[in-house]
């Protein structure tokens, strides 16, 4: 059973606010076990079924209300993760979201130009926030696309705009030999960042994969996603694969014992010809 993460890149005077919904599910191996990468982290696949640009100039309170309606959709429950751009004016807007008490796990993400990820509490609250280099966020999108673990549903109206934004990104190497990503002058990057935040967040060990059987988010003491939950998810996937194999085997046996096949072995023409 997949879970959902949502990314919200907050626009300003010349940039629209953008939102992306990402559905996350496990990648399993031939034996039905969750795949892990070279860092021993769980590997996921993603589908983006919904992407939206708000009309330029939409007020932040209106954005809050629209997102609150979205996360209340029963299809996204229980409690999707909501990554919000907290850079600049986003800090005050994040507090608007927290005060709304919507049914979502809100995670503020401040986009930086550095090369180090930082995780701290948000305004002394129980909510944790991240400070993430832009290069890491964009790299998360590129890695998912290049490994074919990210699919944008073709019917999404903003799919073409997202592709253009990705093509407009360039890598700049600073004097200190640090890489940084940025859009071409005059180009937008709101869609890229709106999908980059949930993709980056999904790979964090503390952002546990949802166990639908328990209807909650769980993690063990070490911060790894709950192993029982992963095992149950893998078992569901294994059963689905086994069912498909059984159907294929049944079809093969039916064809093998067909009248045409028996006629072939008897030296007769198929179908009585």
C-alpha atoms as a PDB file:
ATOM      1  CA  UNK A   1       0.000   0.000   0.000  1.00  0.00           C
ATOM      2  CA  UNK A   2       1.602   3.306  -1.044  1.00  0.00           C
ATOM      3  CA  UNK A   3       1.680   6.474   0.989  1.00  0.00           C
ATOM      4  CA  UNK A   4       1.707  10.097  -0.141  1.00  0.00           C
ATOM      5  CA  UNK A   5       4.040  13.067   0.136  1.00  0.00           C
ATOM      6  CA  UNK A   6       3.216  16.596  -0.995  1.00  0.00           C
ATOM      7  CA  UNK A   7       5.628  19.392  -1.879  1.00  0.00           C
ATOM      8  CA  UNK A   8       4.701  23.073  -1.782  1.00  0.00           C
ATOM      9  CA  UNK A   9       7.070  25.677  -3.224  1.00  0.00           C
ATOM     10  CA  UNK A  10       5.883  29.114  -2.112  1.00  0.00           C
ATOM     11  CA  UNK A  11       5.933  31.802  -4.789  1.00  0.00           C
ATOM     12  CA  UNK A  12       6.547  35.501  -4.385  1.00  0.00           C
ATOM     13  CA  UNK A  13       5.890  38.573  -6.532  1.00  0.00           C
ATOM     14  CA  UNK A  14       7.124  37.143  -9.847  1.00  0.00           C
ATOM     15  CA  UNK A  15       6.966  33.410  -9.160  1.00  0.00           C
ATOM     16  CA  UNK A  16       3.798  31.328  -8.730  1.00  0.00           C
ATOM     17  CA  UNK A  17       3.269  28.903  -5.878  1.00  0.00           C
ATOM     18  CA  UNK A  18       3.527  25.290  -7.043  1.00  0.00           C
ATOM     19  CA  UNK A  19       2.330  22.033  -5.527  1.00  0.00           C
ATOM     20  CA  UNK A  20       3.125  18.402  -6.346  1.00  0.00           C
ATOM     21  CA  UNK A  21       1.607  15.199  -4.971  1.00  0.00           C
ATOM     22  CA  UNK A  22       3.865  12.131  -4.973  1.00  0.00           C
ATOM     23  CA  UNK A  23       2.749   8.556  -4.362  1.00  0.00           C
ATOM     24  CA  UNK A  24       5.507   6.432  -2.793  1.00  0.00           C
ATOM     25  CA  UNK A  25       5.739   2.646  -2.866  1.00  0.00           C
ATOM     26  CA  UNK A  26       8.451   0.084  -2.213  1.00  0.00           C
ATOM     27  CA  UNK A  27      10.817  -1.334  -4.807  1.00  0.00           C
ATOM     28  CA  UNK A  28      11.089  -5.084  -4.212  1.00  0.00           C
ATOM     29  CA  UNK A  29      13.522  -7.658  -5.604  1.00  0.00           C
ATOM     30  CA  UNK A  30      12.734 -10.961  -7.329  1.00  0.00           C
ATOM     31  CA  UNK A  31      12.273 -12.576  -3.926  1.00  0.00           C
ATOM     32  CA  UNK A  32       9.723  -9.974  -2.858  1.00  0.00           C
ATOM     33  CA  UNK A  33      12.020  -8.242  -0.348  1.00  0.00           C
ATOM     34  CA  UNK A  34      12.503  -4.456  -0.121  1.00  0.00           C
ATOM     35  CA  UNK A  35      15.497  -3.286  -2.163  1.00  0.00           C
ATOM     36  CA  UNK A  36      18.212  -1.267  -0.407  1.00  0.00           C
ATOM     37  CA  UNK A  37      20.855   0.932  -2.007  1.00  0.00           C
ATOM     38  CA  UNK A  38      24.615   1.079  -1.397  1.00  0.00           C
ATOM     39  CA  UNK A  39      23.962   3.135   1.756  1.00  0.00           C
ATOM     40  CA  UNK A  40      21.560   0.453   3.043  1.00  0.00           C
ATOM     41  CA  UNK A  41      18.601   2.779   2.579  1.00  0.00           C
ATOM     42  CA  UNK A  42      15.224   1.603   1.363  1.00  0.00           C
ATOM     43  CA  UNK A  43      14.601   2.245  -2.346  1.00  0.00           C
ATOM     44  CA  UNK A  44      11.217   3.595  -3.432  1.00  0.00           C
ATOM     45  CA  UNK A  45       9.432   4.279  -6.680  1.00  0.00           C
ATOM     46  CA  UNK A  46       7.260   7.345  -7.189  1.00  0.00           C
ATOM     47  CA  UNK A  47       4.294   8.445  -9.250  1.00  0.00           C
ATOM     48  CA  UNK A  48       3.182  12.079  -9.514  1.00  0.00           C
ATOM     49  CA  UNK A  49      -0.594  12.049 -10.167  1.00  0.00           C
ATOM     50  CA  UNK A  50      -1.204  15.743  -9.441  1.00  0.00           C
ATOM     51  CA  UNK A  51       0.738  18.958  -9.975  1.00  0.00           C
ATOM     52  CA  UNK A  52      -0.566  22.503  -9.789  1.00  0.00           C
ATOM     53  CA  UNK A  53       0.560  26.074 -10.209  1.00  0.00           C
ATOM     54  CA  UNK A  54      -1.511  28.575  -8.280  1.00  0.00           C
ATOM     55  CA  UNK A  55      -2.495  31.750 -10.098  1.00  0.00           C
ATOM     56  CA  UNK A  56       0.214  34.359  -9.670  1.00  0.00           C
ATOM     57  CA  UNK A  57      -0.717  36.627  -6.770  1.00  0.00           C
ATOM     58  CA  UNK A  58      -2.797  34.030  -4.884  1.00  0.00           C
ATOM     59  CA  UNK A  59      -2.630  35.046  -1.221  1.00  0.00           C
ATOM     60  CA  UNK A  60      -0.902  32.744   1.250  1.00  0.00           C
ATOM     61  CA  UNK A  61      -4.080  32.305   3.368  1.00  0.00           C
ATOM     62  CA  UNK A  62      -5.890  31.134   0.209  1.00  0.00           C
ATOM     63  CA  UNK A  63      -3.056  28.701  -0.497  1.00  0.00           C
ATOM     64  CA  UNK A  64      -3.354  27.362   3.056  1.00  0.00           C
ATOM     65  CA  UNK A  65      -7.088  26.773   2.616  1.00  0.00           C
ATOM     66  CA  UNK A  66      -6.599  25.049  -0.759  1.00  0.00           C
ATOM     67  CA  UNK A  67      -3.917  22.737   0.624  1.00  0.00           C
ATOM     68  CA  UNK A  68      -6.035  21.979   3.692  1.00  0.00           C
ATOM     69  CA  UNK A  69      -8.829  20.807   1.375  1.00  0.00           C
ATOM     70  CA  UNK A  70      -6.393  18.694  -0.610  1.00  0.00           C
ATOM     71  CA  UNK A  71      -4.814  16.874   2.349  1.00  0.00           C
ATOM     72  CA  UNK A  72      -8.287  16.167   3.734  1.00  0.00           C
ATOM     73  CA  UNK A  73      -9.063  14.045   0.655  1.00  0.00           C
ATOM     74  CA  UNK A  74      -9.702  10.491   1.965  1.00  0.00           C
ATOM     75  CA  UNK A  75      -7.528   9.082  -0.825  1.00  0.00           C
ATOM     76  CA  UNK A  76      -4.451  10.726   0.742  1.00  0.00           C
ATOM     77  CA  UNK A  77      -5.176   9.720   4.316  1.00  0.00           C
ATOM     78  CA  UNK A  78      -4.028   8.969   6.887  1.00  0.00           C
ATOM     79  CA  UNK A  79      -1.926  12.126   7.164  1.00  0.00           C
ATOM     80  CA  UNK A  80       0.278  12.605   4.105  1.00  0.00           C
ATOM     81  CA  UNK A  81       3.676  14.229   4.571  1.00  0.00           C
ATOM     82  CA  UNK A  82       3.603  17.897   3.559  1.00  0.00           C
ATOM     83  CA  UNK A  83       6.982  19.470   2.753  1.00  0.00           C
ATOM     84  CA  UNK A  84       6.749  23.271   2.660  1.00  0.00           C
ATOM     85  CA  UNK A  85       9.345  25.693   1.350  1.00  0.00           C
ATOM     86  CA  UNK A  86      10.292  27.716   4.421  1.00  0.00           C
ATOM     87  CA  UNK A  87      12.874  29.898   2.674  1.00  0.00           C
ATOM     88  CA  UNK A  88      12.558  33.658   3.229  1.00  0.00           C
ATOM     89  CA  UNK A  89       8.911  34.660   3.685  1.00  0.00           C
ATOM     90  CA  UNK A  90       8.052  30.963   3.834  1.00  0.00           C
ATOM     91  CA  UNK A  91       8.899  30.956   7.529  1.00  0.00           C
ATOM     92  CA  UNK A  92       5.805  32.942   8.440  1.00  0.00           C
ATOM     93  CA  UNK A  93       3.666  30.965   5.993  1.00  0.00           C
ATOM     94  CA  UNK A  94       4.715  27.678   7.590  1.00  0.00           C
ATOM     95  CA  UNK A  95       3.298  28.961  10.868  1.00  0.00           C
ATOM     96  CA  UNK A  96      -0.005  29.635   9.084  1.00  0.00           C
ATOM     97  CA  UNK A  97      -0.076  25.982   8.041  1.00  0.00           C
ATOM     98  CA  UNK A  98       0.754  24.777  11.550  1.00  0.00           C
ATOM     99  CA  UNK A  99      -2.000  26.940  13.030  1.00  0.00           C
ATOM    100  CA  UNK A 100      -4.506  25.449  10.566  1.00  0.00           C
ATOM    101  CA  UNK A 101      -4.059  22.014  12.215  1.00  0.00           C
ATOM    102  CA  UNK A 102      -4.742  20.192   8.972  1.00  0.00           C
ATOM    103  CA  UNK A 103      -4.506  16.359   8.744  1.00  0.00           C
ATOM    104  CA  UNK A 104      -0.933  16.241   7.461  1.00  0.00           C
ATOM    105  CA  UNK A 105       2.582  15.720   8.794  1.00  0.00           C
ATOM    106  CA  UNK A 106       4.077  19.155   8.072  1.00  0.00           C
ATOM    107  CA  UNK A 107       7.827  19.353   7.419  1.00  0.00           C
ATOM    108  CA  UNK A 108       9.361  22.814   6.783  1.00  0.00           C
ATOM    109  CA  UNK A 109      12.328  22.787   4.375  1.00  0.00           C
ATOM    110  CA  UNK A 110      14.596  25.819   4.076  1.00  0.00           C
ATOM    111  CA  UNK A 111      16.539  25.764   0.809  1.00  0.00           C
ATOM    112  CA  UNK A 112      20.179  26.807   1.178  1.00  0.00           C
ATOM    113  CA  UNK A 113      23.175  27.415  -1.056  1.00  0.00           C
ATOM    114  CA  UNK A 114      25.508  25.352   1.123  1.00  0.00           C
ATOM    115  CA  UNK A 115      26.438  21.688   1.059  1.00  0.00           C
ATOM    116  CA  UNK A 116      25.280  20.450   4.464  1.00  0.00           C
ATOM    117  CA  UNK A 117      21.881  19.191   5.599  1.00  0.00           C
ATOM    118  CA  UNK A 118      20.709  20.341   9.016  1.00  0.00           C
ATOM    119  CA  UNK A 119      17.740  19.041  11.021  1.00  0.00           C
ATOM    120  CA  UNK A 120      16.333  20.958  13.997  1.00  0.00           C
ATOM    121  CA  UNK A 121      13.051  21.622  15.750  1.00  0.00           C
ATOM    122  CA  UNK A 122      10.814  24.327  14.337  1.00  0.00           C
ATOM    123  CA  UNK A 123      10.178  27.239  16.721  1.00  0.00           C
ATOM    124  CA  UNK A 124      10.661  24.990  19.753  1.00  0.00           C
ATOM    125  CA  UNK A 125       7.661  22.941  18.642  1.00  0.00           C
ATOM    126  CA  UNK A 126       7.421  19.193  18.222  1.00  0.00           C
ATOM    127  CA  UNK A 127       7.793  19.620  14.466  1.00  0.00           C
ATOM    128  CA  UNK A 128      11.174  19.010  12.880  1.00  0.00           C
ATOM    129  CA  UNK A 129      12.506  21.093  10.021  1.00  0.00           C
ATOM    130  CA  UNK A 130      15.351  20.697   7.542  1.00  0.00           C
ATOM    131  CA  UNK A 131      17.855  23.070   5.971  1.00  0.00           C
ATOM    132  CA  UNK A 132      18.758  21.502   2.624  1.00  0.00           C
ATOM    133  CA  UNK A 133      21.164  22.566  -0.161  1.00  0.00           C
ATOM    134  CA  UNK A 134      19.356  23.204  -3.428  1.00  0.00           C
ATOM    135  CA  UNK A 135      21.780  20.888  -5.205  1.00  0.00           C
ATOM    136  CA  UNK A 136      20.554  17.976  -3.058  1.00  0.00           C
ATOM    137  CA  UNK A 137      16.920  18.664  -3.838  1.00  0.00           C
ATOM    138  CA  UNK A 138      17.400  18.867  -7.595  1.00  0.00           C
ATOM    139  CA  UNK A 139      19.696  15.832  -7.533  1.00  0.00           C
ATOM    140  CA  UNK A 140      16.889  13.836  -5.909  1.00  0.00           C
ATOM    141  CA  UNK A 141      14.681  14.544  -8.939  1.00  0.00           C
ATOM    142  CA  UNK A 142      17.435  13.737 -11.417  1.00  0.00           C
ATOM    143  CA  UNK A 143      18.317  10.468  -9.667  1.00  0.00           C
ATOM    144  CA  UNK A 144      14.689   9.326  -9.593  1.00  0.00           C
ATOM    145  CA  UNK A 145      14.213  10.177 -13.274  1.00  0.00           C
ATOM    146  CA  UNK A 146      17.475   8.614 -14.436  1.00  0.00           C
ATOM    147  CA  UNK A 147      16.767   5.389 -12.545  1.00  0.00           C
ATOM    148  CA  UNK A 148      13.206   5.386 -13.903  1.00  0.00           C
ATOM    149  CA  UNK A 149      11.757   5.396 -10.405  1.00  0.00           C
ATOM    150  CA  UNK A 150       9.720   8.556 -11.027  1.00  0.00           C
ATOM    151  CA  UNK A 151       6.739   8.698 -13.355  1.00  0.00           C
ATOM    152  CA  UNK A 152       4.748  11.825 -14.085  1.00  0.00           C
ATOM    153  CA  UNK A 153       1.211  10.867 -15.088  1.00  0.00           C
ATOM    154  CA  UNK A 154       0.910  12.058 -18.725  1.00  0.00           C
ATOM    155  CA  UNK A 155      -2.476  13.663 -18.090  1.00  0.00           C
ATOM    156  CA  UNK A 156      -0.966  16.090 -15.554  1.00  0.00           C
ATOM    157  CA  UNK A 157      -1.311  19.522 -17.258  1.00  0.00           C
ATOM    158  CA  UNK A 158       2.000  20.824 -15.860  1.00  0.00           C
ATOM    159  CA  UNK A 159       4.085  17.833 -17.035  1.00  0.00           C
ATOM    160  CA  UNK A 160       5.457  19.712 -20.062  1.00  0.00           C
ATOM    161  CA  UNK A 161       6.278  22.768 -17.940  1.00  0.00           C
ATOM    162  CA  UNK A 162       8.157  20.555 -15.460  1.00  0.00           C
ATOM    163  CA  UNK A 163      10.207  19.047 -18.282  1.00  0.00           C
ATOM    164  CA  UNK A 164      11.130  22.527 -19.522  1.00  0.00           C
ATOM    165  CA  UNK A 165      12.154  23.634 -16.023  1.00  0.00           C
ATOM    166  CA  UNK A 166      14.439  20.599 -15.700  1.00  0.00           C
ATOM    167  CA  UNK A 167      16.030  21.392 -19.044  1.00  0.00           C
ATOM    168  CA  UNK A 168      16.574  25.024 -17.969  1.00  0.00           C
ATOM    169  CA  UNK A 169      18.564  24.032 -14.889  1.00  0.00           C
ATOM    170  CA  UNK A 170      22.320  24.500 -15.008  1.00  0.00           C
ATOM    171  CA  UNK A 171      25.130  23.453 -12.694  1.00  0.00           C
ATOM    172  CA  UNK A 172      27.475  26.191 -11.504  1.00  0.00           C
ATOM    173  CA  UNK A 173      30.812  25.454  -9.815  1.00  0.00           C
ATOM    174  CA  UNK A 174      31.836  28.076  -7.262  1.00  0.00           C
ATOM    175  CA  UNK A 175      35.390  29.216  -6.522  1.00  0.00           C
ATOM    176  CA  UNK A 176      35.343  26.891  -3.521  1.00  0.00           C
ATOM    177  CA  UNK A 177      34.632  23.982  -5.933  1.00  0.00           C
ATOM    178  CA  UNK A 178      31.055  23.570  -4.708  1.00  0.00           C
ATOM    179  CA  UNK A 179      28.305  22.725  -7.176  1.00  0.00           C
ATOM    180  CA  UNK A 180      25.053  24.670  -7.180  1.00  0.00           C
ATOM    181  CA  UNK A 181      21.913  24.344  -9.272  1.00  0.00           C
ATOM    182  CA  UNK A 182      19.910  27.219 -10.671  1.00  0.00           C
ATOM    183  CA  UNK A 183      17.422  28.005 -13.397  1.00  0.00           C
ATOM    184  CA  UNK A 184      18.393  30.141 -16.372  1.00  0.00           C
ATOM    185  CA  UNK A 185      17.824  33.856 -15.946  1.00  0.00           C
ATOM    186  CA  UNK A 186      14.131  34.593 -16.305  1.00  0.00           C
ATOM    187  CA  UNK A 187      13.142  30.911 -16.027  1.00  0.00           C
ATOM    188  CA  UNK A 188      11.042  29.364 -13.251  1.00  0.00           C
ATOM    189  CA  UNK A 189      11.974  26.500 -10.946  1.00  0.00           C
ATOM    190  CA  UNK A 190       8.820  26.285  -8.802  1.00  0.00           C
ATOM    191  CA  UNK A 191       7.595  22.963 -10.242  1.00  0.00           C
ATOM    192  CA  UNK A 192      11.025  21.345  -9.925  1.00  0.00           C
ATOM    193  CA  UNK A 193      11.305  22.363  -6.287  1.00  0.00           C
ATOM    194  CA  UNK A 194       7.727  21.354  -5.477  1.00  0.00           C
ATOM    195  CA  UNK A 195       8.451  17.776  -6.552  1.00  0.00           C
ATOM    196  CA  UNK A 196      12.075  17.782  -5.364  1.00  0.00           C
ATOM    197  CA  UNK A 197      11.159  18.362  -1.708  1.00  0.00           C
ATOM    198  CA  UNK A 198       8.916  15.294  -1.287  1.00  0.00           C
ATOM    199  CA  UNK A 199      11.341  13.108  -3.275  1.00  0.00           C
ATOM    200  CA  UNK A 200      14.243  14.182  -1.082  1.00  0.00           C
ATOM    201  CA  UNK A 201      12.159  13.822   2.071  1.00  0.00           C
ATOM    202  CA  UNK A 202      10.965  10.339   1.113  1.00  0.00           C
ATOM    203  CA  UNK A 203      14.520   8.995   1.285  1.00  0.00           C
ATOM    204  CA  UNK A 204      15.062  10.151   4.874  1.00  0.00           C
ATOM    205  CA  UNK A 205      15.193   7.261   7.343  1.00  0.00           C
ATOM    206  CA  UNK A 206      13.058   9.125   9.873  1.00  0.00           C
ATOM    207  CA  UNK A 207      10.264   9.649   7.309  1.00  0.00           C
ATOM    208  CA  UNK A 208       8.935   6.156   7.858  1.00  0.00           C
ATOM    209  CA  UNK A 209       7.016   4.293   5.194  1.00  0.00           C
ATOM    210  CA  UNK A 210       3.383   3.980   6.236  1.00  0.00           C
ATOM    211  CA  UNK A 211       2.133   0.639   7.512  1.00  0.00           C
ATOM    212  CA  UNK A 212      -1.442   0.585   6.219  1.00  0.00           C
ATOM    213  CA  UNK A 213      -2.310  -2.413   8.389  1.00  0.00           C
ATOM    214  CA  UNK A 214      -1.665  -0.368  11.541  1.00  0.00           C
ATOM    215  CA  UNK A 215      -2.913   2.824   9.913  1.00  0.00           C
ATOM    216  CA  UNK A 216      -0.075   4.878  11.300  1.00  0.00           C
ATOM    217  CA  UNK A 217       3.508   5.954  10.667  1.00  0.00           C
ATOM    218  CA  UNK A 218       6.084   3.990  12.617  1.00  0.00           C
ATOM    219  CA  UNK A 219       9.844   3.872  13.046  1.00  0.00           C
ATOM    220  CA  UNK A 220      12.023   1.834  15.350  1.00  0.00           C
ATOM    221  CA  UNK A 221      14.454   3.260  17.889  1.00  0.00           C
ATOM    222  CA  UNK A 222      17.249   3.405  15.330  1.00  0.00           C
ATOM    223  CA  UNK A 223      15.304   5.598  12.955  1.00  0.00           C
ATOM    224  CA  UNK A 224      14.841   2.884  10.313  1.00  0.00           C
ATOM    225  CA  UNK A 225      11.376   2.369   8.832  1.00  0.00           C
ATOM    226  CA  UNK A 226       9.550  -0.291  10.798  1.00  0.00           C
ATOM    227  CA  UNK A 227      10.869  -3.630   9.538  1.00  0.00           C
ATOM    228  CA  UNK A 228       7.591  -5.436  10.197  1.00  0.00           C
ATOM    229  CA  UNK A 229       5.772  -2.866   8.072  1.00  0.00           C
ATOM    230  CA  UNK A 230       8.263  -3.316   5.245  1.00  0.00           C
ATOM    231  CA  UNK A 231       7.997  -7.090   5.505  1.00  0.00           C
ATOM    232  CA  UNK A 232       4.214  -6.950   5.298  1.00  0.00           C
ATOM    233  CA  UNK A 233       4.392  -4.624   2.313  1.00  0.00           C
ATOM    234  CA  UNK A 234       6.869  -6.943   0.614  1.00  0.00           C
ATOM    235  CA  UNK A 235       4.614  -9.928   1.309  1.00  0.00           C
ATOM    236  CA  UNK A 236       1.669  -8.166  -0.351  1.00  0.00           C
ATOM    237  CA  UNK A 237       3.824  -7.412  -3.380  1.00  0.00           C
ATOM    238  CA  UNK A 238       5.115 -11.013  -3.472  1.00  0.00           C
ATOM    239  CA  UNK A 239       1.570 -12.390  -3.418  1.00  0.00           C
ATOM    240  CA  UNK A 240       0.575 -10.108  -6.272  1.00  0.00           C
ATOM    241  CA  UNK A 241       3.538 -11.335  -8.332  1.00  0.00           C
ATOM    242  CA  UNK A 242       2.756 -14.956  -7.454  1.00  0.00           C
ATOM    243  CA  UNK A 243      -0.848 -14.488  -8.547  1.00  0.00           C
ATOM    244  CA  UNK A 244       0.275 -13.058 -11.874  1.00  0.00           C
ATOM    245  CA  UNK A 245       2.690 -15.982 -12.354  1.00  0.00           C
ATOM    246  CA  UNK A 246      -0.072 -18.481 -11.554  1.00  0.00           C
ATOM    247  CA  UNK A 247      -2.360 -16.910 -14.154  1.00  0.00           C
ATOM    248  CA  UNK A 248       0.429 -16.999 -16.752  1.00  0.00           C
ATOM    249  CA  UNK A 249       1.141 -20.651 -15.923  1.00  0.00           C
ATOM    250  CA  UNK A 250      -2.550 -21.571 -16.199  1.00  0.00           C
ATOM    251  CA  UNK A 251      -2.769 -19.863 -19.590  1.00  0.00           C
ATOM    252  CA  UNK A 252       0.336 -21.705 -20.746  1.00  0.00           C
ATOM    253  CA  UNK A 253      -1.059 -25.089 -19.679  1.00  0.00           C
ATOM    254  CA  UNK A 254      -4.378 -24.325 -21.359  1.00  0.00           C
ATOM    255  CA  UNK A 255      -2.610 -23.551 -24.620  1.00  0.00           C
ATOM    256  CA  UNK A 256      -0.458 -26.677 -24.300  1.00  0.00           C
ATOM    257  CA  UNK A 257      -3.507 -28.934 -23.954  1.00  0.00           C
ATOM    258  CA  UNK A 258      -5.564 -27.173 -26.606  1.00  0.00           C
ATOM    259  CA  UNK A 259      -7.110 -29.060 -29.531  1.00  0.00           C
ATOM    260  CA  UNK A 260      -4.787 -27.339 -31.975  1.00  0.00           C
ATOM    261  CA  UNK A 261      -1.745 -28.457 -30.022  1.00  0.00           C
ATOM    262  CA  UNK A 262      -2.914 -32.110 -29.859  1.00  0.00           C
ATOM    263  CA  UNK A 263      -3.578 -32.035 -33.613  1.00  0.00           C
ATOM    264  CA  UNK A 264      -0.012 -30.843 -34.189  1.00  0.00           C
ATOM    265  CA  UNK A 265       1.473 -33.781 -32.296  1.00  0.00           C
ATOM    266  CA  UNK A 266      -0.828 -36.241 -34.107  1.00  0.00           C
ATOM    267  CA  UNK A 267       0.360 -34.938 -37.442  1.00  0.00           C
ATOM    268  CA  UNK A 268      -3.001 -33.440 -38.294  1.00  0.00           C
ATOM    269  CA  UNK A 269      -3.634 -29.875 -39.419  1.00  0.00           C
ATOM    270  CA  UNK A 270      -4.804 -27.578 -36.603  1.00  0.00           C
ATOM    271  CA  UNK A 271      -8.523 -26.945 -36.235  1.00  0.00           C
ATOM    272  CA  UNK A 272      -9.438 -29.883 -38.422  1.00  0.00           C
ATOM    273  CA  UNK A 273      -7.876 -28.408 -41.581  1.00  0.00           C
END
